[in-house]
Amino acid sequence: MRLDKFLKVSRIIKRRTLAKEVSDQGRIEINGKEAKASSTVKVGDELTIRLGQRKITARIDRIQETSRKEEAAEMYTILNEEKLSSPDPF
């Protein structure tokens, strides 16, 4: 599944266009490598996302084409979430 679609379906990022913008700015990594919106994600991948003053690390547990709000959080596990001291320069 494409990275931008996964972020939207899992509700990590609310809109697919925003997920595309964030990834195209180089603020998302898959397994430690910078990722674009079109990058393919699979179960077991680790995502690191910088949003504003937060840095979130999550592991993909399941991939679904669609999900209800209650199911979305089951698609990933948050491994680490930290606040960054200074705003993201992007």
C-alpha atoms as a PDB file:
ATOM      1  CA  MET A   1       0.000   0.000   0.000  1.00  0.00           C
ATOM      2  CA  ARG A   2       1.195   3.534  -0.695  1.00  0.00           C
ATOM      3  CA  LEU A   3       2.503   5.463   2.315  1.00  0.00           C
ATOM      4  CA  ASP A   4       0.094   8.391   1.922  1.00  0.00           C
ATOM      5  CA  LYS A   5      -2.922   6.066   1.708  1.00  0.00           C
ATOM      6  CA  PHE A   6      -1.809   4.077   4.776  1.00  0.00           C
ATOM      7  CA  LEU A   7      -1.423   7.260   6.834  1.00  0.00           C
ATOM      8  CA  LYS A   8      -4.941   8.356   5.889  1.00  0.00           C
ATOM      9  CA  VAL A   9      -6.650   4.964   6.346  1.00  0.00           C
ATOM     10  CA  SER A  10      -4.927   4.436   9.718  1.00  0.00           C
ATOM     11  CA  ARG A  11      -5.850   8.023  10.686  1.00  0.00           C
ATOM     12  CA  ILE A  12      -2.296   8.885  11.740  1.00  0.00           C
ATOM     13  CA  ILE A  13      -2.732  11.863   9.405  1.00  0.00           C
ATOM     14  CA  LYS A  14      -6.309  12.935   8.685  1.00  0.00           C
ATOM     15  CA  ARG A  15      -6.087  13.789   4.971  1.00  0.00           C
ATOM     16  CA  ARG A  16      -4.212  12.050   2.174  1.00  0.00           C
ATOM     17  CA  THR A  17      -3.146  15.384   0.648  1.00  0.00           C
ATOM     18  CA  LEU A  18      -1.570  16.398   3.965  1.00  0.00           C
ATOM     19  CA  ALA A  19       0.162  12.998   4.210  1.00  0.00           C
ATOM     20  CA  LYS A  20       1.561  13.567   0.706  1.00  0.00           C
ATOM     21  CA  GLU A  21       2.825  17.052   1.600  1.00  0.00           C
ATOM     22  CA  VAL A  22       4.500  15.856   4.821  1.00  0.00           C
ATOM     23  CA  SER A  23       6.235  12.941   3.101  1.00  0.00           C
ATOM     24  CA  ASP A  24       7.348  15.044   0.126  1.00  0.00           C
ATOM     25  CA  GLN A  25       8.968  17.469   2.601  1.00  0.00           C
ATOM     26  CA  GLY A  26      11.164  14.626   3.874  1.00  0.00           C
ATOM     27  CA  ARG A  27       9.538  14.374   7.317  1.00  0.00           C
ATOM     28  CA  ILE A  28       8.698  10.657   7.124  1.00  0.00           C
ATOM     29  CA  GLU A  29      11.081   7.716   7.245  1.00  0.00           C
ATOM     30  CA  ILE A  30      10.382   4.033   6.658  1.00  0.00           C
ATOM     31  CA  ASN A  31      12.867   1.792   8.478  1.00  0.00           C
ATOM     32  CA  GLY A  32      15.297   4.706   8.790  1.00  0.00           C
ATOM     33  CA  LYS A  33      15.191   5.747   5.120  1.00  0.00           C
ATOM     34  CA  GLU A  34      13.487   8.894   3.845  1.00  0.00           C
ATOM     35  CA  ALA A  35      10.178   8.070   2.170  1.00  0.00           C
ATOM     36  CA  LYS A  36       8.005   9.715  -0.451  1.00  0.00           C
ATOM     37  CA  ALA A  37       4.202   9.525  -0.636  1.00  0.00           C
ATOM     38  CA  SER A  38       4.405   6.793  -3.272  1.00  0.00           C
ATOM     39  CA  SER A  39       6.669   4.549  -1.150  1.00  0.00           C
ATOM     40  CA  THR A  40       5.244   1.108  -0.449  1.00  0.00           C
ATOM     41  CA  VAL A  41       4.653   0.087   3.165  1.00  0.00           C
ATOM     42  CA  LYS A  42       4.185  -3.427   4.502  1.00  0.00           C
ATOM     43  CA  VAL A  43       3.468  -5.115   7.822  1.00  0.00           C
ATOM     44  CA  GLY A  44       6.451  -4.823  10.160  1.00  0.00           C
ATOM     45  CA  ASP A  45       7.753  -1.537   8.730  1.00  0.00           C
ATOM     46  CA  GLU A  46       8.694   1.186  11.224  1.00  0.00           C
ATOM     47  CA  LEU A  47       7.554   4.721  10.425  1.00  0.00           C
ATOM     48  CA  THR A  48       9.137   7.831  11.935  1.00  0.00           C
ATOM     49  CA  ILE A  49       7.017  10.937  11.396  1.00  0.00           C
ATOM     50  CA  ARG A  50       7.829  14.536  12.348  1.00  0.00           C
ATOM     51  CA  LEU A  51       4.656  16.583  12.738  1.00  0.00           C
ATOM     52  CA  GLY A  52       5.032  20.049  14.180  1.00  0.00           C
ATOM     53  CA  GLN A  53       6.874  19.659  17.489  1.00  0.00           C
ATOM     54  CA  ARG A  54       6.231  15.912  17.756  1.00  0.00           C
ATOM     55  CA  LYS A  55       8.186  12.923  16.529  1.00  0.00           C
ATOM     56  CA  ILE A  56       6.207   9.693  16.341  1.00  0.00           C
ATOM     57  CA  THR A  57       7.655   6.232  15.766  1.00  0.00           C
ATOM     58  CA  ALA A  58       5.099   3.553  14.880  1.00  0.00           C
ATOM     59  CA  ARG A  59       5.202  -0.055  13.674  1.00  0.00           C
ATOM     60  CA  ILE A  60       2.716  -1.208  11.036  1.00  0.00           C
ATOM     61  CA  ASP A  61       0.752  -4.182  12.376  1.00  0.00           C
ATOM     62  CA  ARG A  62      -1.920  -4.568   9.707  1.00  0.00           C
ATOM     63  CA  ILE A  63      -2.798  -3.156   6.307  1.00  0.00           C
ATOM     64  CA  GLN A  64      -6.401  -2.644   5.201  1.00  0.00           C
ATOM     65  CA  GLU A  65      -7.850  -0.779   2.233  1.00  0.00           C
ATOM     66  CA  THR A  66     -10.487   0.878   4.432  1.00  0.00           C
ATOM     67  CA  SER A  67     -11.148   1.053   8.151  1.00  0.00           C
ATOM     68  CA  ARG A  68     -13.723   2.340  10.577  1.00  0.00           C
ATOM     69  CA  LYS A  69     -12.615   4.800  13.217  1.00  0.00           C
ATOM     70  CA  GLU A  70     -12.563   2.071  15.879  1.00  0.00           C
ATOM     71  CA  GLU A  71     -10.365  -0.227  13.737  1.00  0.00           C
ATOM     72  CA  ALA A  72      -7.857   2.401  12.591  1.00  0.00           C
ATOM     73  CA  ALA A  73      -5.755   2.345  15.778  1.00  0.00           C
ATOM     74  CA  GLU A  74      -5.319  -1.436  15.431  1.00  0.00           C
ATOM     75  CA  MET A  75      -3.356  -0.957  12.194  1.00  0.00           C
ATOM     76  CA  TYR A  76      -0.260   0.313  14.010  1.00  0.00           C
ATOM     77  CA  THR A  77       1.516   0.383  17.363  1.00  0.00           C
ATOM     78  CA  ILE A  78       3.088   3.580  18.692  1.00  0.00           C
ATOM     79  CA  LEU A  79       6.631   2.666  19.749  1.00  0.00           C
ATOM     80  CA  ASN A  80       7.786   6.138  20.770  1.00  0.00           C
ATOM     81  CA  GLU A  81       6.375   9.642  20.851  1.00  0.00           C
ATOM     82  CA  GLU A  82       8.476  12.615  21.842  1.00  0.00           C
ATOM     83  CA  LYS A  83       8.225  16.376  21.814  1.00  0.00           C
ATOM     84  CA  LEU A  84      10.947  18.189  19.932  1.00  0.00           C
ATOM     85  CA  SER A  85      12.489  21.190  21.701  1.00  0.00           C
ATOM     86  CA  SER A  86      12.457  23.479  18.680  1.00  0.00           C
ATOM     87  CA  PRO A  87       9.907  23.753  15.893  1.00  0.00           C
ATOM     88  CA  ASP A  88      10.491  21.730  12.766  1.00  0.00           C
ATOM     89  CA  PRO A  89      12.448  23.875  10.264  1.00  0.00           C
ATOM     90  CA  PHE A  90      10.197  22.729   7.391  1.00  0.00           C
END
